[in-house]
């Protein structure tokens, strides 16, 4: 089954534009706006849909594509459960900005789900809450459920994010 990166590769040209625009002075740079983000997100969702992928949306507003449903006989993670995932985060132009492989030798991140100290963005928490063990999803998270109007570190303001996530294990809090 194709990964979202299969059709994001053509958008690599966008990253070249970003590289050249980074050479501009602050006065020459156009500030990102919510409208710019929504236009990029709409274009991405239309392309993904035209490529034959089914896009669903959580109640909170995270778009997702299911590549592997996982074990639907096991409940999705609940607050306090210990979960193990691997993930790679992409900008809508296909460039990687984060990955669990950068932090863990086996690429797997184990943490307590919905623990405020973990610091997940709301969109990631929302997306993980619908997954099942063994599931592989692309979570497309609008900035309103990520870093919003201010951005964070490498993430500019009003930037939608894409995470390819595999949920490897859910250990219920009761165990």
N, C-alpha and C. Protein backbone atom coordinates (compact mmCIF):
# COMPACT_ATOMS: atom_id res chain seq x y z
N UNK A 1 0.83 -1.18 0.00
CA UNK A 1 0.00 0.00 0.00
C UNK A 1 0.88 1.25 0.00
N UNK A 2 0.51 2.26 -0.74
CA UNK A 2 1.31 3.47 -0.85
C UNK A 2 1.27 4.27 0.44
N UNK A 3 2.37 4.89 0.75
CA UNK A 3 2.46 5.81 1.88
C UNK A 3 2.21 7.21 1.37
N UNK A 4 1.78 8.10 2.23
CA UNK A 4 1.47 9.49 1.84
C UNK A 4 2.67 10.14 1.17
N UNK A 5 3.88 9.69 1.49
CA UNK A 5 5.08 10.29 0.89
C UNK A 5 5.16 10.03 -0.60
N UNK A 6 4.47 9.00 -1.10
CA UNK A 6 4.49 8.68 -2.51
C UNK A 6 4.00 9.86 -3.33
N UNK A 7 2.98 10.54 -2.85
CA UNK A 7 2.47 11.66 -3.62
C UNK A 7 2.94 13.00 -3.07
N UNK A 8 3.61 12.99 -1.95
CA UNK A 8 4.17 14.24 -1.45
C UNK A 8 5.49 14.58 -2.13
N UNK A 9 6.13 13.57 -2.71
CA UNK A 9 7.41 13.81 -3.35
C UNK A 9 7.34 14.91 -4.39
N UNK A 10 6.29 14.93 -5.24
CA UNK A 10 6.22 16.03 -6.22
C UNK A 10 6.17 17.40 -5.55
N UNK A 11 5.73 17.44 -4.32
CA UNK A 11 5.68 18.73 -3.63
C UNK A 11 7.06 19.14 -3.11
N UNK A 12 8.06 18.33 -3.38
CA UNK A 12 9.42 18.65 -2.97
C UNK A 12 9.86 19.98 -3.55
N UNK A 13 9.32 20.31 -4.70
CA UNK A 13 9.65 21.60 -5.31
C UNK A 13 9.32 22.73 -4.34
N UNK A 14 8.25 22.54 -3.57
CA UNK A 14 7.88 23.56 -2.59
C UNK A 14 9.01 23.79 -1.59
N UNK A 15 9.69 22.71 -1.23
CA UNK A 15 10.78 22.87 -0.26
C UNK A 15 11.93 23.67 -0.87
N UNK A 16 12.15 23.51 -2.17
CA UNK A 16 13.20 24.30 -2.83
C UNK A 16 12.83 25.78 -2.76
N UNK A 17 11.57 26.07 -2.99
CA UNK A 17 11.10 27.45 -2.88
C UNK A 17 11.32 27.96 -1.47
N UNK A 18 11.04 27.10 -0.47
CA UNK A 18 11.25 27.51 0.92
C UNK A 18 12.72 27.80 1.19
N UNK A 19 13.60 27.00 0.63
CA UNK A 19 15.03 27.21 0.84
C UNK A 19 15.45 28.57 0.28
N UNK A 20 15.00 28.86 -0.95
CA UNK A 20 15.36 30.14 -1.54
C UNK A 20 14.72 31.30 -0.79
N UNK A 21 13.49 31.10 -0.30
CA UNK A 21 12.84 32.19 0.42
C UNK A 21 13.49 32.43 1.78
N UNK A 22 14.20 31.42 2.31
CA UNK A 22 14.87 31.61 3.60
C UNK A 22 16.04 32.58 3.48
N UNK A 23 16.47 32.86 2.25
CA UNK A 23 17.54 33.81 2.03
C UNK A 23 17.05 35.25 2.05
N UNK A 24 15.74 35.43 2.10
CA UNK A 24 15.18 36.77 2.11
C UNK A 24 15.32 37.40 3.50
N UNK A 25 15.36 38.71 3.54
CA UNK A 25 15.38 39.39 4.83
C UNK A 25 14.00 39.28 5.45
N UNK A 26 13.90 39.56 6.75
CA UNK A 26 12.62 39.48 7.44
C UNK A 26 11.57 40.38 6.79
N UNK A 27 12.00 41.53 6.28
CA UNK A 27 11.06 42.44 5.64
C UNK A 27 10.55 41.90 4.31
N UNK A 28 11.37 41.05 3.65
CA UNK A 28 10.98 40.51 2.36
C UNK A 28 10.14 39.25 2.48
N UNK A 29 10.17 38.60 3.63
CA UNK A 29 9.42 37.37 3.83
C UNK A 29 7.95 37.68 4.04
N UNK A 30 7.12 36.87 3.42
CA UNK A 30 5.69 37.00 3.64
C UNK A 30 5.33 36.17 4.86
N UNK A 31 4.63 36.78 5.79
CA UNK A 31 4.25 36.05 7.00
C UNK A 31 3.17 35.04 6.67
N UNK A 32 3.30 33.85 7.27
CA UNK A 32 2.29 32.82 7.06
C UNK A 32 1.00 33.24 7.73
N UNK A 33 -0.09 32.90 7.08
CA UNK A 33 -1.40 33.21 7.61
C UNK A 33 -2.24 31.95 7.66
N UNK A 34 -3.33 32.05 8.38
CA UNK A 34 -4.28 30.95 8.45
C UNK A 34 -4.81 30.62 7.06
N UNK A 35 -5.09 31.63 6.26
CA UNK A 35 -5.60 31.42 4.91
C UNK A 35 -4.60 30.65 4.05
N UNK A 36 -3.31 30.95 4.20
CA UNK A 36 -2.27 30.23 3.46
C UNK A 36 -2.26 28.77 3.86
N UNK A 37 -2.34 28.53 5.17
CA UNK A 37 -2.35 27.15 5.65
C UNK A 37 -3.54 26.39 5.10
N UNK A 38 -4.73 26.99 5.15
CA UNK A 38 -5.94 26.31 4.68
C UNK A 38 -5.86 26.02 3.19
N UNK A 39 -5.29 26.91 2.41
CA UNK A 39 -5.13 26.67 0.97
C UNK A 39 -4.20 25.48 0.73
N UNK A 40 -3.08 25.42 1.45
CA UNK A 40 -2.15 24.29 1.32
C UNK A 40 -2.81 22.99 1.76
N UNK A 41 -3.54 23.04 2.88
CA UNK A 41 -4.19 21.85 3.40
C UNK A 41 -5.27 21.36 2.43
N UNK A 42 -6.08 22.26 1.91
CA UNK A 42 -7.11 21.88 0.94
C UNK A 42 -6.49 21.24 -0.29
N UNK A 43 -5.38 21.80 -0.78
CA UNK A 43 -4.69 21.25 -1.95
C UNK A 43 -4.18 19.84 -1.65
N UNK A 44 -3.59 19.66 -0.49
CA UNK A 44 -3.08 18.34 -0.10
C UNK A 44 -4.20 17.33 -0.01
N UNK A 45 -5.28 17.68 0.67
CA UNK A 45 -6.40 16.75 0.86
C UNK A 45 -7.04 16.38 -0.48
N UNK A 46 -7.13 17.34 -1.38
CA UNK A 46 -7.69 17.06 -2.70
C UNK A 46 -6.79 16.11 -3.46
N UNK A 47 -5.48 16.34 -3.40
CA UNK A 47 -4.53 15.47 -4.09
C UNK A 47 -4.59 14.05 -3.53
N UNK A 48 -4.61 13.93 -2.22
CA UNK A 48 -4.66 12.62 -1.58
C UNK A 48 -5.94 11.89 -1.99
N UNK A 49 -7.04 12.59 -1.96
CA UNK A 49 -8.32 12.00 -2.35
C UNK A 49 -8.31 11.60 -3.82
N UNK A 50 -7.79 12.44 -4.68
CA UNK A 50 -7.70 12.14 -6.11
C UNK A 50 -6.79 10.95 -6.39
N UNK A 51 -5.83 10.72 -5.50
CA UNK A 51 -4.93 9.57 -5.65
C UNK A 51 -5.57 8.27 -5.15
N UNK A 52 -6.84 8.35 -4.70
CA UNK A 52 -7.57 7.14 -4.33
C UNK A 52 -7.55 6.78 -2.86
N UNK A 53 -7.04 7.64 -2.01
CA UNK A 53 -7.01 7.36 -0.58
C UNK A 53 -8.29 7.84 0.08
N UNK A 54 -8.76 7.06 1.04
CA UNK A 54 -9.91 7.47 1.84
C UNK A 54 -9.41 8.31 3.01
N UNK A 55 -9.96 9.49 3.14
CA UNK A 55 -9.59 10.38 4.24
C UNK A 55 -10.78 10.48 5.18
N UNK A 56 -10.54 10.16 6.42
CA UNK A 56 -11.56 10.32 7.45
C UNK A 56 -11.14 11.47 8.36
N UNK A 57 -12.05 11.90 9.21
CA UNK A 57 -11.78 13.01 10.12
C UNK A 57 -12.29 12.66 11.50
N UNK A 58 -11.49 12.94 12.51
CA UNK A 58 -11.94 12.76 13.89
C UNK A 58 -12.92 13.88 14.25
N UNK A 59 -13.63 13.71 15.34
CA UNK A 59 -14.55 14.76 15.80
C UNK A 59 -13.83 16.07 16.06
N UNK A 60 -12.57 15.98 16.49
CA UNK A 60 -11.80 17.17 16.81
C UNK A 60 -11.27 17.88 15.55
N UNK A 61 -11.13 17.13 14.45
CA UNK A 61 -10.70 17.75 13.19
C UNK A 61 -9.37 17.27 12.66
N UNK A 62 -8.87 16.13 13.14
CA UNK A 62 -7.66 15.53 12.58
C UNK A 62 -8.07 14.66 11.40
N UNK A 63 -7.43 14.89 10.26
CA UNK A 63 -7.67 14.05 9.08
C UNK A 63 -6.76 12.83 9.21
N UNK A 64 -7.25 11.68 8.76
CA UNK A 64 -6.39 10.50 8.85
C UNK A 64 -6.67 9.53 7.71
N UNK A 65 -5.59 8.81 7.36
CA UNK A 65 -5.63 7.77 6.35
C UNK A 65 -5.17 6.49 7.05
N UNK A 66 -5.94 5.43 6.90
CA UNK A 66 -5.62 4.15 7.52
C UNK A 66 -4.93 3.26 6.49
N UNK A 67 -3.70 2.86 6.80
CA UNK A 67 -2.99 1.91 5.95
C UNK A 67 -3.14 0.49 6.50
N UNK A 68 -3.06 0.37 7.80
CA UNK A 68 -3.30 -0.89 8.50
C UNK A 68 -4.21 -0.57 9.67
N UNK A 69 -5.36 -1.24 9.73
CA UNK A 69 -6.33 -0.97 10.79
C UNK A 69 -5.79 -1.40 12.16
N UNK A 70 -5.04 -2.49 12.18
CA UNK A 70 -4.57 -3.02 13.47
C UNK A 70 -5.59 -3.97 14.05
N UNK A 71 -5.35 -4.37 15.28
CA UNK A 71 -6.21 -5.34 15.97
C UNK A 71 -7.42 -4.62 16.56
N UNK A 72 -8.52 -4.66 15.84
CA UNK A 72 -9.72 -3.96 16.32
C UNK A 72 -10.35 -4.65 17.53
N UNK A 73 -9.89 -5.84 17.87
CA UNK A 73 -10.40 -6.53 19.06
C UNK A 73 -9.82 -5.97 20.35
N UNK A 74 -8.78 -5.16 20.22
CA UNK A 74 -8.15 -4.54 21.38
C UNK A 74 -8.57 -3.08 21.40
N UNK A 75 -9.01 -2.58 22.55
CA UNK A 75 -9.47 -1.19 22.59
C UNK A 75 -8.36 -0.19 22.23
N UNK A 76 -8.79 0.96 21.76
CA UNK A 76 -7.86 2.06 21.50
C UNK A 76 -7.30 2.54 22.83
N UNK A 77 -6.17 3.25 22.80
CA UNK A 77 -5.56 3.71 24.05
C UNK A 77 -6.50 4.65 24.82
N UNK A 78 -6.44 4.49 26.13
CA UNK A 78 -7.21 5.35 27.04
C UNK A 78 -6.24 6.09 27.95
N UNK A 79 -6.70 7.15 28.55
CA UNK A 79 -5.87 7.93 29.45
C UNK A 79 -5.23 7.04 30.50
N UNK A 80 -3.91 7.18 30.65
CA UNK A 80 -3.16 6.41 31.64
C UNK A 80 -2.55 5.14 31.11
N UNK A 81 -3.02 4.64 29.95
CA UNK A 81 -2.42 3.45 29.36
C UNK A 81 -0.99 3.77 28.94
N UNK A 82 -0.14 2.76 28.94
CA UNK A 82 1.22 2.93 28.44
C UNK A 82 1.21 2.44 26.99
N UNK A 83 1.65 3.31 26.09
CA UNK A 83 1.64 2.95 24.68
C UNK A 83 3.04 3.05 24.09
N UNK A 84 3.25 2.29 23.03
CA UNK A 84 4.51 2.33 22.30
C UNK A 84 4.20 2.62 20.84
N UNK A 85 4.84 3.66 20.32
CA UNK A 85 4.63 4.06 18.93
C UNK A 85 5.97 4.32 18.25
N UNK A 86 5.94 4.36 16.92
CA UNK A 86 7.01 5.02 16.18
C UNK A 86 6.32 6.00 15.26
N UNK A 87 7.01 7.09 14.96
CA UNK A 87 6.40 8.13 14.14
C UNK A 87 7.47 8.87 13.35
N UNK A 88 7.02 9.46 12.25
CA UNK A 88 7.81 10.42 11.50
C UNK A 88 6.89 11.58 11.19
N UNK A 89 7.36 12.80 11.46
CA UNK A 89 6.58 14.01 11.20
C UNK A 89 7.06 14.70 9.95
N UNK A 90 6.11 15.12 9.11
CA UNK A 90 6.41 15.77 7.84
C UNK A 90 5.68 17.10 7.76
N UNK A 91 6.26 18.02 7.03
CA UNK A 91 5.53 19.20 6.59
C UNK A 91 4.73 18.80 5.36
N UNK A 92 3.80 19.63 4.94
CA UNK A 92 2.97 19.28 3.78
C UNK A 92 3.77 19.22 2.48
N UNK A 93 4.99 19.75 2.48
CA UNK A 93 5.83 19.65 1.27
C UNK A 93 6.62 18.34 1.25
N UNK A 94 6.43 17.49 2.26
CA UNK A 94 7.08 16.19 2.30
C UNK A 94 8.39 16.15 3.06
N UNK A 95 8.88 17.28 3.52
CA UNK A 95 10.15 17.27 4.25
C UNK A 95 9.92 16.83 5.70
N UNK A 96 10.86 16.03 6.19
CA UNK A 96 10.78 15.49 7.55
C UNK A 96 11.25 16.56 8.55
N UNK A 97 10.50 16.74 9.62
CA UNK A 97 10.93 17.66 10.66
C UNK A 97 11.15 16.95 12.00
N UNK A 98 10.68 15.71 12.13
CA UNK A 98 10.83 15.00 13.40
C UNK A 98 10.60 13.51 13.18
N UNK A 99 11.22 12.70 14.04
CA UNK A 99 11.03 11.25 13.97
C UNK A 99 11.44 10.62 15.29
N UNK A 100 10.72 9.60 15.69
CA UNK A 100 11.09 8.88 16.91
C UNK A 100 12.45 8.21 16.74
N UNK A 101 12.88 7.98 15.51
CA UNK A 101 14.19 7.38 15.25
C UNK A 101 15.32 8.31 15.70
N UNK A 102 15.02 9.61 15.81
CA UNK A 102 16.02 10.57 16.26
C UNK A 102 16.29 10.50 17.76
N UNK A 103 15.40 9.87 18.50
CA UNK A 103 15.48 9.90 19.95
C UNK A 103 15.68 8.53 20.60
N UNK A 104 15.30 7.47 19.91
CA UNK A 104 15.34 6.14 20.50
C UNK A 104 16.07 5.20 19.55
N UNK A 105 17.01 4.41 20.08
CA UNK A 105 17.83 3.55 19.22
C UNK A 105 16.99 2.58 18.41
N UNK A 106 15.88 2.09 18.97
CA UNK A 106 15.01 1.18 18.23
C UNK A 106 13.88 1.93 17.51
N UNK A 107 13.85 3.26 17.67
CA UNK A 107 12.83 4.07 17.03
C UNK A 107 11.48 4.04 17.71
N UNK A 108 11.39 3.31 18.82
CA UNK A 108 10.11 3.15 19.50
C UNK A 108 10.04 4.05 20.73
N UNK A 109 8.94 4.75 20.86
CA UNK A 109 8.72 5.66 21.99
C UNK A 109 7.61 5.08 22.85
N UNK A 110 7.92 4.82 24.12
CA UNK A 110 6.95 4.31 25.07
C UNK A 110 6.66 5.40 26.09
N UNK A 111 5.38 5.67 26.32
CA UNK A 111 4.98 6.73 27.25
C UNK A 111 3.57 6.50 27.75
N UNK A 112 3.22 7.24 28.79
CA UNK A 112 1.88 7.17 29.36
C UNK A 112 0.97 8.08 28.53
N UNK A 113 -0.10 7.49 27.99
CA UNK A 113 -1.00 8.21 27.12
C UNK A 113 -1.79 9.27 27.87
N UNK A 114 -1.84 10.46 27.29
CA UNK A 114 -2.55 11.62 27.80
C UNK A 114 -1.94 12.19 29.08
N UNK A 115 -0.67 11.87 29.32
CA UNK A 115 0.05 12.45 30.44
C UNK A 115 0.54 13.83 30.01
N UNK A 116 0.13 14.86 30.72
CA UNK A 116 0.50 16.23 30.34
C UNK A 116 2.00 16.44 30.26
N UNK A 117 2.77 15.72 31.04
CA UNK A 117 4.23 15.88 31.03
C UNK A 117 4.85 15.38 29.73
N UNK A 118 4.15 14.51 29.00
CA UNK A 118 4.66 14.01 27.73
C UNK A 118 4.65 15.13 26.69
N UNK A 119 3.64 15.97 26.74
CA UNK A 119 3.60 17.15 25.88
C UNK A 119 3.18 16.91 24.45
N UNK A 120 2.32 15.93 24.20
CA UNK A 120 1.84 15.73 22.84
C UNK A 120 0.94 16.89 22.42
N UNK A 121 1.00 17.23 21.15
CA UNK A 121 0.08 18.23 20.63
C UNK A 121 -1.33 17.60 20.62
N UNK A 122 -2.37 18.41 20.76
CA UNK A 122 -3.73 17.87 20.81
C UNK A 122 -4.10 16.98 19.62
N UNK A 123 -3.64 17.33 18.44
CA UNK A 123 -3.96 16.54 17.26
C UNK A 123 -3.35 15.14 17.30
N UNK A 124 -2.16 15.02 17.85
CA UNK A 124 -1.53 13.70 17.97
C UNK A 124 -2.29 12.85 18.99
N UNK A 125 -2.65 13.46 20.12
CA UNK A 125 -3.42 12.73 21.13
C UNK A 125 -4.74 12.25 20.53
N UNK A 126 -5.41 13.13 19.81
CA UNK A 126 -6.69 12.79 19.19
C UNK A 126 -6.53 11.66 18.19
N UNK A 127 -5.52 11.73 17.35
CA UNK A 127 -5.29 10.69 16.36
C UNK A 127 -4.96 9.35 16.99
N UNK A 128 -4.09 9.36 17.98
CA UNK A 128 -3.73 8.11 18.66
C UNK A 128 -4.93 7.46 19.34
N UNK A 129 -5.87 8.28 19.79
CA UNK A 129 -7.01 7.74 20.54
C UNK A 129 -7.96 6.91 19.68
N UNK A 130 -7.83 6.97 18.36
CA UNK A 130 -8.69 6.16 17.50
C UNK A 130 -7.96 4.94 16.93
N UNK A 131 -6.67 4.83 17.18
CA UNK A 131 -5.88 3.75 16.62
C UNK A 131 -5.98 2.48 17.45
N UNK A 132 -5.62 1.36 16.83
CA UNK A 132 -5.56 0.06 17.50
C UNK A 132 -4.15 -0.49 17.37
N UNK A 133 -3.77 -1.38 18.27
CA UNK A 133 -2.46 -2.01 18.22
C UNK A 133 -2.21 -2.61 16.83
N UNK A 134 -1.06 -2.27 16.27
CA UNK A 134 -0.71 -2.74 14.93
C UNK A 134 -1.18 -1.80 13.84
N UNK A 135 -1.89 -0.76 14.20
CA UNK A 135 -2.40 0.20 13.22
C UNK A 135 -1.30 1.09 12.68
N UNK A 136 -1.41 1.42 11.40
CA UNK A 136 -0.49 2.36 10.74
C UNK A 136 -1.36 3.42 10.07
N UNK A 137 -1.20 4.65 10.52
CA UNK A 137 -2.03 5.76 10.03
C UNK A 137 -1.14 6.93 9.63
N UNK A 138 -1.67 7.74 8.72
CA UNK A 138 -1.16 9.09 8.51
C UNK A 138 -2.15 10.01 9.20
N UNK A 139 -1.65 10.84 10.10
CA UNK A 139 -2.46 11.84 10.78
C UNK A 139 -2.12 13.19 10.18
N UNK A 140 -3.09 13.86 9.63
CA UNK A 140 -2.89 15.19 9.03
C UNK A 140 -3.52 16.18 9.99
N UNK A 141 -2.66 16.97 10.63
CA UNK A 141 -3.08 17.79 11.77
C UNK A 141 -3.00 19.27 11.42
N UNK A 142 -4.16 19.94 11.38
CA UNK A 142 -4.14 21.39 11.16
C UNK A 142 -3.43 22.10 12.32
N UNK A 143 -2.89 23.28 12.05
CA UNK A 143 -2.13 24.01 13.07
C UNK A 143 -2.95 24.30 14.32
N UNK A 144 -4.26 24.41 14.16
CA UNK A 144 -5.11 24.68 15.33
C UNK A 144 -5.05 23.55 16.35
N UNK A 145 -4.60 22.37 15.92
CA UNK A 145 -4.44 21.22 16.81
C UNK A 145 -2.97 20.86 16.98
N UNK A 146 -2.09 21.79 16.57
CA UNK A 146 -0.64 21.58 16.68
C UNK A 146 -0.02 22.79 17.36
N UNK A 147 0.69 23.62 16.61
CA UNK A 147 1.41 24.74 17.20
C UNK A 147 0.82 26.10 16.86
N UNK A 148 -0.31 26.11 16.16
CA UNK A 148 -1.10 27.31 15.97
C UNK A 148 -0.40 28.48 15.30
N UNK A 149 -0.81 29.66 15.76
CA UNK A 149 -0.35 30.93 15.17
C UNK A 149 1.09 31.28 15.53
N UNK A 150 1.65 30.62 16.55
CA UNK A 150 3.00 30.96 16.99
C UNK A 150 4.06 30.02 16.45
N UNK A 151 3.67 28.79 16.08
CA UNK A 151 4.66 27.82 15.66
C UNK A 151 5.50 27.35 16.85
N UNK A 152 6.53 26.56 16.57
CA UNK A 152 7.40 26.06 17.64
C UNK A 152 8.67 25.48 17.01
N UNK A 153 9.81 26.02 17.41
CA UNK A 153 11.08 25.49 16.89
C UNK A 153 11.12 25.52 15.37
N UNK A 154 11.20 24.33 14.76
CA UNK A 154 11.26 24.22 13.30
C UNK A 154 9.90 24.43 12.63
N UNK A 155 8.83 24.43 13.41
CA UNK A 155 7.49 24.52 12.84
C UNK A 155 7.05 25.98 12.77
N UNK A 156 6.87 26.49 11.54
CA UNK A 156 6.42 27.88 11.40
C UNK A 156 4.98 28.06 11.86
N UNK A 157 4.57 29.29 12.09
CA UNK A 157 3.17 29.56 12.43
C UNK A 157 2.24 29.04 11.32
N UNK A 158 1.03 28.69 11.70
CA UNK A 158 0.00 28.25 10.76
C UNK A 158 0.51 27.18 9.81
N UNK A 159 1.03 26.10 10.39
CA UNK A 159 1.56 25.00 9.59
C UNK A 159 0.88 23.70 9.97
N UNK A 160 0.21 23.09 8.98
CA UNK A 160 -0.36 21.76 9.17
C UNK A 160 0.78 20.75 9.17
N UNK A 161 0.61 19.69 9.94
CA UNK A 161 1.64 18.66 10.07
C UNK A 161 1.08 17.30 9.70
N UNK A 162 1.94 16.43 9.21
CA UNK A 162 1.56 15.06 8.88
C UNK A 162 2.45 14.12 9.68
N UNK A 163 1.85 13.17 10.36
CA UNK A 163 2.60 12.16 11.09
C UNK A 163 2.21 10.78 10.58
N UNK A 164 3.21 10.01 10.17
CA UNK A 164 3.00 8.60 9.90
C UNK A 164 3.29 7.89 11.21
N UNK A 165 2.28 7.21 11.74
CA UNK A 165 2.37 6.63 13.09
C UNK A 165 2.02 5.15 13.04
N UNK A 166 2.81 4.34 13.74
CA UNK A 166 2.47 2.94 13.99
C UNK A 166 2.28 2.78 15.48
N UNK A 167 1.14 2.25 15.88
CA UNK A 167 0.88 1.96 17.30
C UNK A 167 1.27 0.51 17.54
N UNK A 168 2.38 0.31 18.24
CA UNK A 168 2.92 -1.03 18.44
C UNK A 168 2.30 -1.76 19.62
N UNK A 169 2.02 -1.02 20.69
CA UNK A 169 1.53 -1.70 21.89
C UNK A 169 0.69 -0.75 22.73
N UNK A 170 -0.34 -1.32 23.36
CA UNK A 170 -1.14 -0.61 24.36
C UNK A 170 -1.19 -1.49 25.59
N UNK A 171 -0.64 -0.98 26.68
CA UNK A 171 -0.69 -1.70 27.93
C UNK A 171 -1.66 -0.94 28.83
N UNK A 172 -2.85 -1.53 29.06
CA UNK A 172 -3.86 -0.82 29.86
C UNK A 172 -3.34 -0.45 31.26
N UNK A 173 -3.81 0.66 31.75
CA UNK A 173 -3.38 1.18 33.03
C UNK A 173 -3.68 0.18 34.16
N UNK A 174 -4.69 -0.65 33.98
CA UNK A 174 -5.09 -1.61 35.02
C UNK A 174 -4.12 -2.76 35.17
N UNK A 175 -3.24 -2.97 34.19
CA UNK A 175 -2.30 -4.12 34.27
C UNK A 175 -1.11 -3.81 35.14
